[in-house]
Protein backbone atom coordinates (compact mmCIF):
# COMPACT_ATOMS: atom_id res chain seq x y z
CA MET A 1 4.38 -170.43 12.64
CA LEU A 2 0.58 -170.33 12.63
CA LEU A 3 0.68 -166.75 11.36
CA CYS A 4 2.91 -167.85 8.45
CA VAL A 5 0.47 -170.62 7.55
CA LEU A 6 -2.46 -168.21 7.63
CA ILE A 7 -0.62 -165.70 5.47
CA SER A 8 0.35 -168.46 3.02
CA SER A 9 -3.27 -169.69 2.84
CA ALA A 10 -4.59 -166.18 2.26
CA PHE A 11 -2.04 -165.62 -0.52
CA TRP A 12 -3.07 -168.88 -2.25
CA THR A 13 -6.75 -167.85 -2.15
CA ALA A 14 -6.02 -164.43 -3.62
CA ALA A 15 -3.64 -165.75 -6.29
CA ALA A 16 -6.03 -168.51 -7.32
CA GLN A 17 -8.94 -166.17 -7.93
CA GLU A 18 -8.43 -165.60 -11.65
CA ILE A 19 -7.66 -167.93 -14.56
CA THR A 20 -8.05 -167.35 -18.28
CA ILE A 21 -9.32 -169.98 -20.70
CA ALA A 22 -9.08 -169.87 -24.48
CA VAL A 23 -12.24 -171.20 -26.12
CA SER A 24 -13.03 -172.08 -29.71
CA ALA A 25 -15.72 -169.70 -30.98
CA ASN A 26 -18.33 -172.43 -31.51
CA ALA A 27 -18.21 -173.41 -27.82
CA ARG A 28 -18.43 -169.86 -26.50
CA PHE A 29 -22.14 -170.00 -25.66
CA ALA A 30 -21.93 -173.29 -23.79
CA VAL A 31 -18.77 -172.35 -21.91
CA GLU A 32 -20.24 -169.01 -20.84
CA GLU A 33 -23.01 -170.92 -19.10
CA ILE A 34 -20.58 -173.45 -17.65
CA ILE A 35 -18.51 -170.61 -16.17
CA SER A 36 -21.65 -169.07 -14.69
CA VAL A 37 -22.70 -172.34 -13.04
CA TYR A 38 -19.15 -172.96 -11.80
CA ALA A 39 -18.97 -169.49 -10.25
CA GLN A 40 -22.03 -170.19 -8.12
CA GLY A 41 -20.23 -172.97 -6.29
CA ASN A 42 -16.73 -171.48 -6.49
CA PRO A 43 -17.00 -167.73 -5.84
CA ALA A 44 -13.29 -167.42 -4.97
CA VAL A 45 -12.21 -168.40 -8.49
CA LYS A 46 -12.84 -165.96 -11.34
CA VAL A 47 -12.73 -167.54 -14.80
CA GLN A 48 -12.08 -165.23 -17.74
CA MET A 49 -12.76 -166.41 -21.30
CA VAL A 50 -11.16 -165.44 -24.61
CA ALA A 51 -12.96 -166.80 -27.69
CA GLY A 52 -11.68 -167.10 -31.25
CA SER A 53 -10.73 -169.52 -33.99
CA SER A 54 -8.81 -172.56 -32.78
CA GLY A 55 -5.91 -171.82 -35.14
CA LYS A 56 -5.52 -168.25 -33.95
CA LEU A 57 -5.72 -169.26 -30.29
CA THR A 58 -3.15 -171.98 -30.88
CA ALA A 59 -0.76 -169.47 -32.41
CA GLN A 60 -1.19 -167.25 -29.35
CA ILE A 61 -0.52 -170.16 -26.98
CA LEU A 62 2.59 -171.17 -28.91
CA ASN A 63 3.73 -167.57 -28.42
CA HIS A 64 3.13 -167.98 -24.68
CA ALA A 65 -0.16 -166.13 -24.30
CA PRO A 66 -1.22 -166.28 -20.62
CA PHE A 67 -3.96 -168.89 -20.97
CA HIS A 68 -4.52 -171.70 -18.49
CA ILE A 69 -6.87 -174.00 -20.45
CA PHE A 70 -7.51 -174.31 -24.18
CA LEU A 71 -10.82 -175.70 -25.47
CA SER A 72 -10.35 -176.30 -29.17
CA ALA A 73 -12.84 -177.16 -31.91
CA ASP A 74 -10.74 -180.19 -32.79
CA THR A 75 -8.02 -182.42 -31.38
CA SER A 76 -5.15 -181.63 -33.75
CA TYR A 77 -4.50 -178.12 -32.41
CA PRO A 78 -4.34 -179.24 -28.74
CA GLN A 79 -2.17 -182.15 -29.87
CA GLN A 80 0.20 -179.67 -31.48
CA ILE A 81 0.43 -177.74 -28.22
CA TYR A 82 1.06 -180.96 -26.30
CA ARG A 83 3.83 -182.01 -28.70
CA THR A 84 5.63 -178.72 -28.12
CA GLY A 85 5.67 -179.41 -24.38
CA LEU A 86 3.34 -176.58 -23.40
CA ALA A 87 0.45 -178.78 -22.22
CA LEU A 88 0.35 -180.64 -18.95
CA GLU A 89 -1.14 -183.83 -20.43
CA PRO A 90 -2.54 -185.11 -23.75
CA PRO A 91 -5.79 -183.62 -25.15
CA LYS A 92 -9.08 -184.96 -23.86
CA VAL A 93 -12.33 -184.80 -25.84
CA TYR A 94 -15.03 -182.76 -24.11
CA ALA A 95 -17.70 -182.80 -26.85
CA TYR A 96 -18.49 -183.64 -30.47
CA GLY A 97 -19.79 -180.81 -32.62
CA LYS A 98 -22.25 -180.74 -35.53
CA LEU A 99 -22.65 -178.63 -38.65
CA VAL A 100 -25.91 -177.05 -39.78
CA TRP A 101 -27.10 -175.01 -42.72
CA TRP A 102 -28.50 -171.78 -41.24
CA SER A 103 -30.33 -168.88 -42.85
CA LEU A 104 -32.66 -166.03 -41.98
CA ALA A 105 -33.66 -165.55 -45.59
CA VAL A 106 -34.27 -168.96 -47.16
CA ASN A 107 -35.83 -172.23 -46.03
CA SER A 108 -34.05 -175.46 -46.84
CA ALA A 109 -36.93 -177.68 -45.71
CA ASP A 110 -37.35 -178.99 -49.27
CA GLY A 111 -33.70 -180.07 -49.44
CA ILE A 112 -30.39 -178.30 -49.53
CA LEU A 113 -29.36 -179.18 -53.10
CA PRO A 114 -32.14 -177.22 -54.84
CA LEU A 115 -31.24 -174.24 -52.68
CA LEU A 116 -27.54 -174.51 -53.48
CA ARG A 117 -28.33 -174.64 -57.21
CA ASP A 118 -30.51 -171.54 -57.02
CA LYS A 119 -28.68 -168.84 -59.00
CA SER A 120 -30.04 -166.16 -56.69
CA LEU A 121 -27.88 -167.58 -53.90
CA ARG A 122 -24.78 -165.48 -54.38
CA ARG A 123 -22.80 -166.00 -51.19
CA ILE A 124 -22.38 -168.79 -48.63
CA ALA A 125 -20.48 -168.18 -45.41
CA ILE A 126 -18.16 -170.64 -43.70
CA ALA A 127 -15.36 -170.20 -41.18
CA ASN A 128 -11.85 -169.92 -42.59
CA PRO A 129 -10.75 -173.55 -43.11
CA ARG A 130 -7.10 -172.64 -42.53
CA ILE A 131 -7.65 -171.63 -38.90
CA ALA A 132 -11.10 -172.93 -37.93
CA PRO A 133 -11.86 -176.68 -37.70
CA TYR A 134 -15.55 -176.04 -38.42
CA GLY A 135 -14.48 -174.22 -41.56
CA LYS A 136 -12.31 -177.16 -42.59
CA GLN A 137 -15.23 -179.56 -42.26
CA ALA A 138 -17.62 -177.09 -43.93
CA MET A 139 -15.27 -176.98 -46.91
CA ALA A 140 -15.35 -180.79 -47.05
CA VAL A 141 -19.16 -180.60 -47.25
CA ILE A 142 -19.06 -178.05 -50.07
CA GLN A 143 -16.53 -180.11 -52.02
CA ALA A 144 -18.65 -183.24 -51.59
CA LEU A 145 -21.97 -181.64 -52.57
CA ALA A 146 -21.16 -178.90 -55.04
CA PRO A 147 -17.49 -177.97 -55.52
CA GLU A 148 -18.47 -175.40 -58.13
CA LEU A 149 -19.86 -173.28 -55.26
CA GLU A 150 -16.40 -172.54 -53.87
CA SER A 151 -16.42 -169.27 -55.82
CA LYS A 152 -19.45 -168.18 -53.77
CA LEU A 153 -17.83 -168.76 -50.40
CA ILE A 154 -16.96 -165.96 -48.03
CA TYR A 155 -14.87 -166.74 -44.99
CA GLY A 156 -15.30 -165.65 -41.40
CA ARG A 157 -12.39 -165.56 -38.99
CA SER A 158 -14.40 -167.95 -36.81
CA VAL A 159 -17.93 -169.35 -36.58
CA ASN A 160 -18.82 -166.27 -34.51
CA GLN A 161 -18.17 -164.05 -37.51
CA VAL A 162 -20.01 -166.48 -39.78
CA ASN A 163 -23.01 -166.22 -37.47
CA GLN A 164 -22.84 -162.44 -37.59
CA TYR A 165 -22.89 -162.58 -41.40
CA VAL A 166 -26.21 -164.41 -41.12
CA LEU A 167 -27.68 -162.20 -38.41
CA THR A 168 -26.83 -159.01 -40.32
CA ASN A 169 -28.12 -160.45 -43.62
CA ALA A 170 -24.70 -160.14 -45.20
CA VAL A 171 -25.27 -163.67 -46.52
CA ARG A 172 -28.42 -165.70 -47.14
CA LEU A 173 -26.92 -169.04 -46.12
CA ALA A 174 -24.12 -170.32 -43.89
CA LEU A 175 -22.54 -173.57 -42.79
CA THR A 176 -21.95 -173.15 -39.08
CA SER A 177 -21.94 -174.81 -35.70
CA GLN A 178 -25.23 -176.16 -34.41
CA SER A 179 -24.54 -174.51 -31.06
CA VAL A 180 -25.62 -171.08 -32.36
CA LEU A 181 -29.19 -172.34 -32.64
CA TYR A 182 -29.36 -172.68 -28.86
CA SER A 183 -27.69 -169.35 -28.07
CA THR A 184 -29.25 -165.97 -27.43
CA ASP A 185 -27.84 -164.91 -30.82
CA GLY A 186 -29.58 -167.56 -32.87
CA LYS A 187 -32.35 -169.16 -30.83
CA ASN A 188 -35.67 -169.26 -32.71
CA LYS A 189 -34.18 -167.24 -35.57
CA GLY A 190 -34.38 -168.27 -39.21
CA HIS A 191 -34.30 -171.74 -40.72
CA TRP A 192 -31.81 -174.54 -40.24
CA THR A 193 -31.11 -178.05 -41.51
CA TYR A 194 -28.67 -180.65 -40.22
CA VAL A 195 -25.74 -181.40 -42.50
CA ASP A 196 -25.41 -185.06 -43.50
CA SER A 197 -22.77 -186.32 -41.04
CA THR A 198 -21.30 -188.66 -43.66
CA LEU A 199 -20.07 -185.61 -45.59
CA TYR A 200 -17.55 -184.49 -42.97
CA ALA A 201 -15.25 -185.97 -40.36
CA PRO A 202 -16.44 -186.17 -36.73
CA ILE A 203 -15.69 -182.90 -34.95
CA ALA A 204 -13.99 -184.15 -31.79
CA GLN A 205 -13.42 -181.09 -29.62
CA SER A 206 -10.62 -181.45 -27.09
CA ALA A 207 -9.10 -179.48 -24.25
CA VAL A 208 -5.63 -179.20 -22.73
CA ILE A 209 -4.21 -177.63 -19.60
CA ILE A 210 -1.45 -175.17 -20.36
CA LYS A 211 1.63 -175.51 -18.16
CA THR A 212 2.34 -172.78 -15.65
CA ASP A 213 4.92 -172.21 -12.94
CA ASN A 214 2.27 -170.53 -10.79
CA HIS A 215 1.22 -173.22 -8.33
CA GLN A 216 -1.76 -171.23 -7.09
CA ALA A 217 -3.13 -170.66 -10.61
CA LEU A 218 -2.54 -174.32 -11.43
CA GLN A 219 -4.71 -175.46 -8.51
CA ALA A 220 -7.60 -173.29 -9.70
CA THR A 221 -7.04 -174.44 -13.27
CA LEU A 222 -7.18 -178.12 -12.35
CA GLN A 223 -10.35 -177.53 -10.38
CA PHE A 224 -12.12 -175.85 -13.29
CA TYR A 225 -10.77 -178.42 -15.78
CA ASP A 226 -12.32 -181.21 -13.71
CA PHE A 227 -15.62 -179.30 -13.72
CA LEU A 228 -15.55 -179.20 -17.54
CA TYR A 229 -15.89 -182.99 -17.51
CA SER A 230 -18.50 -183.11 -14.75
CA ALA A 231 -22.13 -184.17 -15.14
CA GLN A 232 -23.21 -180.53 -14.75
CA ALA A 233 -21.02 -179.36 -17.61
CA ALA A 234 -22.06 -182.35 -19.75
CA ALA A 235 -25.71 -181.36 -19.37
CA ILE A 236 -24.90 -177.85 -20.60
CA PHE A 237 -22.97 -179.13 -23.62
CA ARG A 238 -25.94 -181.35 -24.49
CA LYS A 239 -28.25 -178.35 -24.14
CA PHE A 240 -26.25 -176.60 -26.84
CA GLY A 241 -26.52 -179.53 -29.24
CA TYR A 242 -23.21 -181.27 -28.64
CA ARG A 243 -22.76 -185.01 -28.40
CA LEU A 244 -20.78 -186.19 -25.41
CA PRO A 245 -17.86 -188.66 -25.63
């Protein structure tokens, strides 16, 4: 009997070693650090991350992609997953995001409107509003400030691609997540200005646990999910410019 218990315990440890989380592109930098800190105290659990636009990740989850946790850039996508019965419990907000104007080429210190009206500004990058919540709110900002600029917009699949447009000088200006400014990609690079928060809806970013029949994976998932809402994780989200609920 004791041998059976030991074998069962060893199997649980091995099976619980790896979980995969789907993460909205804007939160990639913060979650990478959270995973690193978590691993230091939980070496038996390996957390893999897949980053992308919230809409694309949602579509994958609805098609039963093998994810264990989904960290979205909004609440509506996790709510959709919960309504279909694929999530263990309702979405829970883990952070509130912010939009910034970011550029390597131009300085908006004198105000964003003069810059937007500059005819030499030919392209502005935002995430695709159909699949990326940050893109949806960026479009709201454009429509509020200067709807005539919609013809100058180019769309990234996610804020990651938008950030790459800036870093490769494919565009001179972008509306993107503030988190890039604290990442290795964007830290101390270029010029940035906060977007007036009255121009877009609060970006309440929520997470859900995806149902699984694998009891061992579920135990590891619940453990990491709890860590996402710990004081340690909260400090990392703050470090990357997020506001905590």
